């Protein structure tokens, strides 16, 4: 019980950030899987793709499925998000690393998303826990890589 209380306290900020974007709850029954907000039910399958990114993280957190043994693999998580939500998602990823010591493997083509991740890593002082790998293609046969 003590561990759950400590974990809940550590996740308050992360959950609050997610709730500011996706404030509803989820219902799973024999009738189907629903997202519920202000008394309105919407099938989870009908949520926008960007909303589903937040939904997945929210459901995993609510079920206690994310912890320090978790490896989140995110392929272009910003792809279907409004720029404001891209920044919010970047902050949530950083908070999961900070608060739960989650491992994250992330790919993106978005320099803006990378800048948001970098800014939040600095804000929450976790830069020492991170590595970036860039691959640049100079022409058809020449590649250059660097670690940031």
C-alpha atoms as a PDB file:
ATOM      1  CA  UNK A   1       0.000   0.000   0.000  1.00  0.00           C
ATOM      2  CA  UNK A   2       2.831   2.414   0.858  1.00  0.00           C
ATOM      3  CA  UNK A   3       4.464   1.842  -2.546  1.00  0.00           C
ATOM      4  CA  UNK A   4       1.159   2.549  -4.321  1.00  0.00           C
ATOM      5  CA  UNK A   5       0.749   5.797  -2.376  1.00  0.00           C
ATOM      6  CA  UNK A   6       4.272   6.932  -3.231  1.00  0.00           C
ATOM      7  CA  UNK A   7       3.754   5.951  -6.854  1.00  0.00           C
ATOM      8  CA  UNK A   8       0.436   7.806  -6.989  1.00  0.00           C
ATOM      9  CA  UNK A   9       2.089  10.931  -5.575  1.00  0.00           C
ATOM     10  CA  UNK A  10       4.887  10.729  -8.141  1.00  0.00           C
ATOM     11  CA  UNK A  11       2.407  10.434 -10.982  1.00  0.00           C
ATOM     12  CA  UNK A  12       0.127  13.293  -9.963  1.00  0.00           C
ATOM     13  CA  UNK A  13       1.808  15.771 -12.284  1.00  0.00           C
ATOM     14  CA  UNK A  14       1.865  13.375 -15.233  1.00  0.00           C
ATOM     15  CA  UNK A  15      -1.771  12.388 -14.774  1.00  0.00           C
ATOM     16  CA  UNK A  16      -2.738  16.038 -14.406  1.00  0.00           C
ATOM     17  CA  UNK A  17      -1.029  16.877 -17.722  1.00  0.00           C
ATOM     18  CA  UNK A  18      -2.839  14.019 -19.465  1.00  0.00           C
ATOM     19  CA  UNK A  19      -6.179  14.997 -17.899  1.00  0.00           C
ATOM     20  CA  UNK A  20      -5.783  18.557 -19.187  1.00  0.00           C
ATOM     21  CA  UNK A  21      -5.726  17.120 -22.739  1.00  0.00           C
ATOM     22  CA  UNK A  22      -8.004  14.104 -22.280  1.00  0.00           C
ATOM     23  CA  UNK A  23     -10.133  14.725 -19.156  1.00  0.00           C
ATOM     24  CA  UNK A  24     -12.575  11.826 -19.486  1.00  0.00           C
ATOM     25  CA  UNK A  25     -12.588   8.261 -18.220  1.00  0.00           C
ATOM     26  CA  UNK A  26     -12.724   4.839 -19.845  1.00  0.00           C
ATOM     27  CA  UNK A  27     -15.314   2.113 -19.603  1.00  0.00           C
ATOM     28  CA  UNK A  28     -14.761  -1.477 -20.632  1.00  0.00           C
ATOM     29  CA  UNK A  29     -17.809  -3.717 -20.685  1.00  0.00           C
ATOM     30  CA  UNK A  30     -19.515  -6.409 -22.722  1.00  0.00           C
ATOM     31  CA  UNK A  31     -21.149  -3.563 -24.689  1.00  0.00           C
ATOM     32  CA  UNK A  32     -17.786  -2.224 -25.830  1.00  0.00           C
ATOM     33  CA  UNK A  33     -14.878   0.052 -24.974  1.00  0.00           C
ATOM     34  CA  UNK A  34     -15.761   3.681 -24.426  1.00  0.00           C
ATOM     35  CA  UNK A  35     -14.212   7.047 -23.645  1.00  0.00           C
ATOM     36  CA  UNK A  36     -16.608   9.033 -21.448  1.00  0.00           C
ATOM     37  CA  UNK A  37     -16.528  12.792 -20.978  1.00  0.00           C
ATOM     38  CA  UNK A  38     -19.277  14.998 -19.551  1.00  0.00           C
ATOM     39  CA  UNK A  39     -21.706  12.060 -19.676  1.00  0.00           C
ATOM     40  CA  UNK A  40     -21.140  11.443 -23.382  1.00  0.00           C
ATOM     41  CA  UNK A  41     -19.875   8.036 -24.528  1.00  0.00           C
ATOM     42  CA  UNK A  42     -17.647   7.590 -27.553  1.00  0.00           C
ATOM     43  CA  UNK A  43     -16.224   4.294 -28.724  1.00  0.00           C
ATOM     44  CA  UNK A  44     -12.460   4.335 -28.197  1.00  0.00           C
ATOM     45  CA  UNK A  45     -12.033   3.149 -31.787  1.00  0.00           C
ATOM     46  CA  UNK A  46     -13.677   6.422 -32.907  1.00  0.00           C
ATOM     47  CA  UNK A  47     -11.219   8.670 -31.068  1.00  0.00           C
ATOM     48  CA  UNK A  48      -8.870  10.709 -33.235  1.00  0.00           C
ATOM     49  CA  UNK A  49      -5.458   9.115 -33.707  1.00  0.00           C
ATOM     50  CA  UNK A  50      -3.760  11.834 -31.662  1.00  0.00           C
ATOM     51  CA  UNK A  51      -6.204  11.354 -28.780  1.00  0.00           C
ATOM     52  CA  UNK A  52      -5.448   7.638 -28.834  1.00  0.00           C
ATOM     53  CA  UNK A  53      -1.776   8.381 -28.026  1.00  0.00           C
ATOM     54  CA  UNK A  54      -2.815  10.097 -24.795  1.00  0.00           C
ATOM     55  CA  UNK A  55      -5.485   7.436 -24.165  1.00  0.00           C
ATOM     56  CA  UNK A  56      -2.998   4.578 -24.297  1.00  0.00           C
ATOM     57  CA  UNK A  57      -0.627   6.238 -21.821  1.00  0.00           C
ATOM     58  CA  UNK A  58      -3.545   7.194 -19.555  1.00  0.00           C
ATOM     59  CA  UNK A  59      -4.981   3.659 -19.544  1.00  0.00           C
ATOM     60  CA  UNK A  60      -1.586   2.082 -18.874  1.00  0.00           C
ATOM     61  CA  UNK A  61      -0.962   4.472 -15.975  1.00  0.00           C
ATOM     62  CA  UNK A  62      -4.430   3.914 -14.502  1.00  0.00           C
ATOM     63  CA  UNK A  63      -3.910   0.151 -14.595  1.00  0.00           C
ATOM     64  CA  UNK A  64      -0.422   0.401 -13.072  1.00  0.00           C
ATOM     65  CA  UNK A  65       1.158  -1.122 -16.169  1.00  0.00           C
ATOM     66  CA  UNK A  66       3.961   1.438 -16.499  1.00  0.00           C
ATOM     67  CA  UNK A  67       6.937   1.275 -14.137  1.00  0.00           C
ATOM     68  CA  UNK A  68      10.739   1.197 -14.132  1.00  0.00           C
ATOM     69  CA  UNK A  69      10.733  -2.110 -16.038  1.00  0.00           C
ATOM     70  CA  UNK A  70       8.727  -0.618 -18.909  1.00  0.00           C
ATOM     71  CA  UNK A  71      10.172  -0.008 -22.359  1.00  0.00           C
ATOM     72  CA  UNK A  72       7.910   2.367 -24.267  1.00  0.00           C
ATOM     73  CA  UNK A  73       8.539   2.137 -28.002  1.00  0.00           C
ATOM     74  CA  UNK A  74       7.027   5.145 -29.742  1.00  0.00           C
ATOM     75  CA  UNK A  75       7.175   5.509 -33.514  1.00  0.00           C
ATOM     76  CA  UNK A  76       6.573   9.139 -34.464  1.00  0.00           C
ATOM     77  CA  UNK A  77       4.157   9.782 -31.590  1.00  0.00           C
ATOM     78  CA  UNK A  78       3.729  13.392 -32.685  1.00  0.00           C
ATOM     79  CA  UNK A  79       2.512  12.504 -36.187  1.00  0.00           C
ATOM     80  CA  UNK A  80      -1.211  13.134 -35.606  1.00  0.00           C
ATOM     81  CA  UNK A  81      -0.984  15.758 -32.898  1.00  0.00           C
ATOM     82  CA  UNK A  82      -1.580  19.507 -32.992  1.00  0.00           C
ATOM     83  CA  UNK A  83       1.703  21.361 -32.215  1.00  0.00           C
ATOM     84  CA  UNK A  84       0.389  22.300 -28.743  1.00  0.00           C
ATOM     85  CA  UNK A  85      -0.382  18.638 -28.047  1.00  0.00           C
ATOM     86  CA  UNK A  86       3.039  17.625 -29.417  1.00  0.00           C
ATOM     87  CA  UNK A  87       4.629  19.753 -26.706  1.00  0.00           C
ATOM     88  CA  UNK A  88       2.297  18.289 -24.078  1.00  0.00           C
ATOM     89  CA  UNK A  89       3.110  14.741 -25.192  1.00  0.00           C
ATOM     90  CA  UNK A  90       6.841  15.490 -25.104  1.00  0.00           C
ATOM     91  CA  UNK A  91       6.443  16.717 -21.519  1.00  0.00           C
ATOM     92  CA  UNK A  92       4.497  13.582 -20.543  1.00  0.00           C
ATOM     93  CA  UNK A  93       7.221  11.341 -21.987  1.00  0.00           C
ATOM     94  CA  UNK A  94       9.859  13.240 -20.022  1.00  0.00           C
ATOM     95  CA  UNK A  95       7.786  13.045 -16.833  1.00  0.00           C
ATOM     96  CA  UNK A  96       7.421   9.276 -17.251  1.00  0.00           C
ATOM     97  CA  UNK A  97      11.198   8.994 -17.458  1.00  0.00           C
ATOM     98  CA  UNK A  98      11.689  11.293 -14.475  1.00  0.00           C
ATOM     99  CA  UNK A  99       8.955   9.959 -12.177  1.00  0.00           C
ATOM    100  CA  UNK A 100       8.960   6.258 -13.066  1.00  0.00           C
ATOM    101  CA  UNK A 101      12.366   5.757 -14.656  1.00  0.00           C
ATOM    102  CA  UNK A 102      10.643   4.389 -17.774  1.00  0.00           C
ATOM    103  CA  UNK A 103      12.846   3.495 -20.729  1.00  0.00           C
ATOM    104  CA  UNK A 104      11.758   5.110 -23.990  1.00  0.00           C
ATOM    105  CA  UNK A 105      12.824   4.302 -27.530  1.00  0.00           C
ATOM    106  CA  UNK A 106      11.407   6.964 -29.805  1.00  0.00           C
ATOM    107  CA  UNK A 107      11.700   7.739 -33.502  1.00  0.00           C
ATOM    108  CA  UNK A 108      10.695  11.005 -35.106  1.00  0.00           C
ATOM    109  CA  UNK A 109      11.254  13.079 -38.204  1.00  0.00           C
ATOM    110  CA  UNK A 110      10.193  16.220 -36.393  1.00  0.00           C
ATOM    111  CA  UNK A 111      12.925  18.618 -35.283  1.00  0.00           C
ATOM    112  CA  UNK A 112      10.271  20.556 -33.342  1.00  0.00           C
ATOM    113  CA  UNK A 113       9.324  17.472 -31.333  1.00  0.00           C
ATOM    114  CA  UNK A 114      12.995  16.817 -30.595  1.00  0.00           C
ATOM    115  CA  UNK A 115      13.403  20.414 -29.432  1.00  0.00           C
ATOM    116  CA  UNK A 116      10.370  20.009 -27.153  1.00  0.00           C
ATOM    117  CA  UNK A 117      11.799  16.810 -25.686  1.00  0.00           C
ATOM    118  CA  UNK A 118      15.148  18.517 -25.147  1.00  0.00           C
ATOM    119  CA  UNK A 119      13.528  21.556 -23.502  1.00  0.00           C
ATOM    120  CA  UNK A 120      11.510  19.416 -21.088  1.00  0.00           C
ATOM    121  CA  UNK A 121      14.499  17.199 -20.302  1.00  0.00           C
ATOM    122  CA  UNK A 122      16.372  20.331 -19.282  1.00  0.00           C
ATOM    123  CA  UNK A 123      13.378  21.706 -17.355  1.00  0.00           C
ATOM    124  CA  UNK A 124      13.015  18.481 -15.362  1.00  0.00           C
ATOM    125  CA  UNK A 125      16.783  17.961 -15.104  1.00  0.00           C
ATOM    126  CA  UNK A 126      16.988  14.513 -16.719  1.00  0.00           C
ATOM    127  CA  UNK A 127      19.378  15.305 -19.572  1.00  0.00           C
ATOM    128  CA  UNK A 128      21.971  12.924 -18.110  1.00  0.00           C
ATOM    129  CA  UNK A 129      19.540  10.013 -18.583  1.00  0.00           C
ATOM    130  CA  UNK A 130      19.078  10.574 -22.310  1.00  0.00           C
ATOM    131  CA  UNK A 131      20.809   9.887 -25.588  1.00  0.00           C
ATOM    132  CA  UNK A 132      19.934  11.084 -29.065  1.00  0.00           C
ATOM    133  CA  UNK A 133      21.145   9.431 -32.234  1.00  0.00           C
ATOM    134  CA  UNK A 134      20.949  11.332 -35.504  1.00  0.00           C
ATOM    135  CA  UNK A 135      21.515   9.899 -38.943  1.00  0.00           C
ATOM    136  CA  UNK A 136      22.102  12.339 -41.770  1.00  0.00           C
ATOM    137  CA  UNK A 137      22.146  11.417 -45.434  1.00  0.00           C
ATOM    138  CA  UNK A 138      24.516  13.615 -47.420  1.00  0.00           C
ATOM    139  CA  UNK A 139      23.861  11.918 -50.744  1.00  0.00           C
ATOM    140  CA  UNK A 140      22.871   8.510 -52.078  1.00  0.00           C
ATOM    141  CA  UNK A 141      25.762   6.547 -50.536  1.00  0.00           C
ATOM    142  CA  UNK A 142      27.168   8.739 -47.759  1.00  0.00           C
ATOM    143  CA  UNK A 143      25.724   8.806 -44.247  1.00  0.00           C
ATOM    144  CA  UNK A 144      26.915  10.555 -41.129  1.00  0.00           C
ATOM    145  CA  UNK A 145      25.780   9.815 -37.620  1.00  0.00           C
ATOM    146  CA  UNK A 146      26.207  11.635 -34.363  1.00  0.00           C
ATOM    147  CA  UNK A 147      25.150  11.233 -30.757  1.00  0.00           C
ATOM    148  CA  UNK A 148      23.756  14.228 -28.959  1.00  0.00           C
END
